[in-house]
């Protein structure tokens, strides 16, 4: 059931009733967004006034995606965000790969 839907029960002319129940996917989605809201609040507290913005990208297995961008208009990377995000991800992946390699070689 959609969170914005106020219909909980439908009564047919015959008197039969059909109740609309929330499904598991909607409950999971609500939990994810609840966690996300807490996480963004935490990030805002850490960075306080220094937060230049953030990008949230989520995708499904079929390739569909959603993105949300919150950037200060005067932030210098506003026009180069795609390249900036790609570079941050490459750097993060390279760091993780190096850590994994060292752990493997050192037997940690």
Protein backbone atom coordinates (compact mmCIF):
# COMPACT_ATOMS: atom_id res chain seq x y z
CA UNK A 1 0.00 0.00 0.00
CA UNK A 2 1.38 3.41 -0.93
CA UNK A 3 2.30 5.55 2.08
CA UNK A 4 0.19 8.34 0.59
CA UNK A 5 -2.82 6.08 0.00
CA UNK A 6 -5.50 6.50 2.65
CA UNK A 7 -7.68 3.68 1.39
CA UNK A 8 -7.38 0.75 3.76
CA UNK A 9 -10.59 -1.06 2.91
CA UNK A 10 -12.90 -1.28 -0.10
CA UNK A 11 -16.53 -2.34 0.35
CA UNK A 12 -18.28 -3.64 -2.75
CA UNK A 13 -22.01 -3.18 -3.42
CA UNK A 14 -22.51 -6.82 -2.62
CA UNK A 15 -21.22 -6.13 0.90
CA UNK A 16 -17.94 -7.95 0.39
CA UNK A 17 -14.87 -6.20 1.76
CA UNK A 18 -11.34 -6.11 0.43
CA UNK A 19 -8.61 -4.89 2.76
CA UNK A 20 -5.39 -3.45 1.39
CA UNK A 21 -2.34 -4.70 3.24
CA UNK A 22 1.18 -3.29 2.99
CA UNK A 23 3.60 -5.61 1.23
CA UNK A 24 7.13 -6.58 2.24
CA UNK A 25 8.78 -4.46 -0.47
CA UNK A 26 7.09 -1.31 0.80
CA UNK A 27 8.13 -2.06 4.39
CA UNK A 28 11.72 -2.67 3.24
CA UNK A 29 11.71 0.57 1.23
CA UNK A 30 10.41 2.48 4.26
CA UNK A 31 13.17 0.98 6.44
CA UNK A 32 15.87 1.85 3.88
CA UNK A 33 14.72 5.46 3.66
CA UNK A 34 14.47 5.67 7.45
CA UNK A 35 18.08 4.45 7.74
CA UNK A 36 19.13 6.83 4.98
CA UNK A 37 17.49 9.77 6.73
CA UNK A 38 19.38 8.97 9.95
CA UNK A 39 22.64 8.59 8.00
CA UNK A 40 22.24 11.94 6.25
CA UNK A 41 21.46 13.58 9.58
CA UNK A 42 24.66 12.07 10.99
CA UNK A 43 26.71 13.32 8.01
CA UNK A 44 25.25 16.82 8.38
CA UNK A 45 26.20 16.85 12.09
CA UNK A 46 29.77 15.72 11.36
CA UNK A 47 30.37 18.31 8.65
CA UNK A 48 28.23 21.02 10.27
CA UNK A 49 28.65 24.14 8.11
CA UNK A 50 31.38 22.62 5.93
CA UNK A 51 29.14 20.23 3.98
CA UNK A 52 29.39 21.25 0.32
CA UNK A 53 26.75 18.75 -0.76
CA UNK A 54 26.10 15.09 -1.33
CA UNK A 55 25.00 12.71 -4.05
CA UNK A 56 22.83 9.67 -3.57
CA UNK A 57 22.57 7.13 -6.37
CA UNK A 58 20.57 3.94 -6.01
CA UNK A 59 19.96 1.31 -8.64
CA UNK A 60 18.07 -1.91 -9.22
CA UNK A 61 19.25 -5.17 -10.71
CA UNK A 62 17.52 -4.30 -13.99
CA UNK A 63 19.64 -1.16 -14.40
CA UNK A 64 16.97 1.37 -13.38
CA UNK A 65 18.36 4.05 -11.10
CA UNK A 66 17.48 7.12 -9.08
CA UNK A 67 19.77 9.94 -8.15
CA UNK A 68 19.52 12.84 -5.77
CA UNK A 69 22.00 15.71 -5.80
CA UNK A 70 22.28 18.34 -3.12
CA UNK A 71 25.12 20.76 -3.85
CA UNK A 72 25.69 24.34 -2.82
CA UNK A 73 25.29 26.55 -5.90
CA UNK A 74 28.65 28.20 -5.32
CA UNK A 75 30.50 24.91 -4.85
CA UNK A 76 33.38 24.78 -7.36
CA UNK A 77 32.74 21.23 -8.60
CA UNK A 78 29.07 21.81 -9.44
CA UNK A 79 29.68 21.57 -13.20
CA UNK A 80 32.16 18.72 -12.96
CA UNK A 81 30.28 16.46 -10.54
CA UNK A 82 30.25 13.39 -12.82
CA UNK A 83 34.05 13.45 -13.14
CA UNK A 84 34.47 14.26 -9.46
CA UNK A 85 32.27 11.35 -8.34
CA UNK A 86 33.99 8.97 -10.78
CA UNK A 87 37.41 9.97 -9.45
CA UNK A 88 36.32 9.56 -5.82
CA UNK A 89 34.95 6.08 -6.61
CA UNK A 90 38.13 5.07 -8.51
CA UNK A 91 40.28 6.27 -5.61
CA UNK A 92 38.13 4.44 -3.07
CA UNK A 93 38.18 1.22 -5.13
CA UNK A 94 41.96 1.40 -5.58
CA UNK A 95 42.45 1.93 -1.85
CA UNK A 96 40.20 -1.02 -1.02
CA UNK A 97 41.98 -3.23 -3.59
CA UNK A 98 45.38 -2.31 -2.11
CA UNK A 99 44.18 -3.06 1.42
CA UNK A 100 42.76 -6.43 0.31
CA UNK A 101 46.02 -7.32 -1.45
CA UNK A 102 48.12 -6.41 1.61
CA UNK A 103 45.84 -8.39 3.93
CA UNK A 104 46.09 -11.39 1.60
CA UNK A 105 49.89 -11.21 1.29
CA UNK A 106 50.43 -10.62 4.99
CA UNK A 107 47.94 -13.31 5.93
CA UNK A 108 45.72 -10.97 7.94
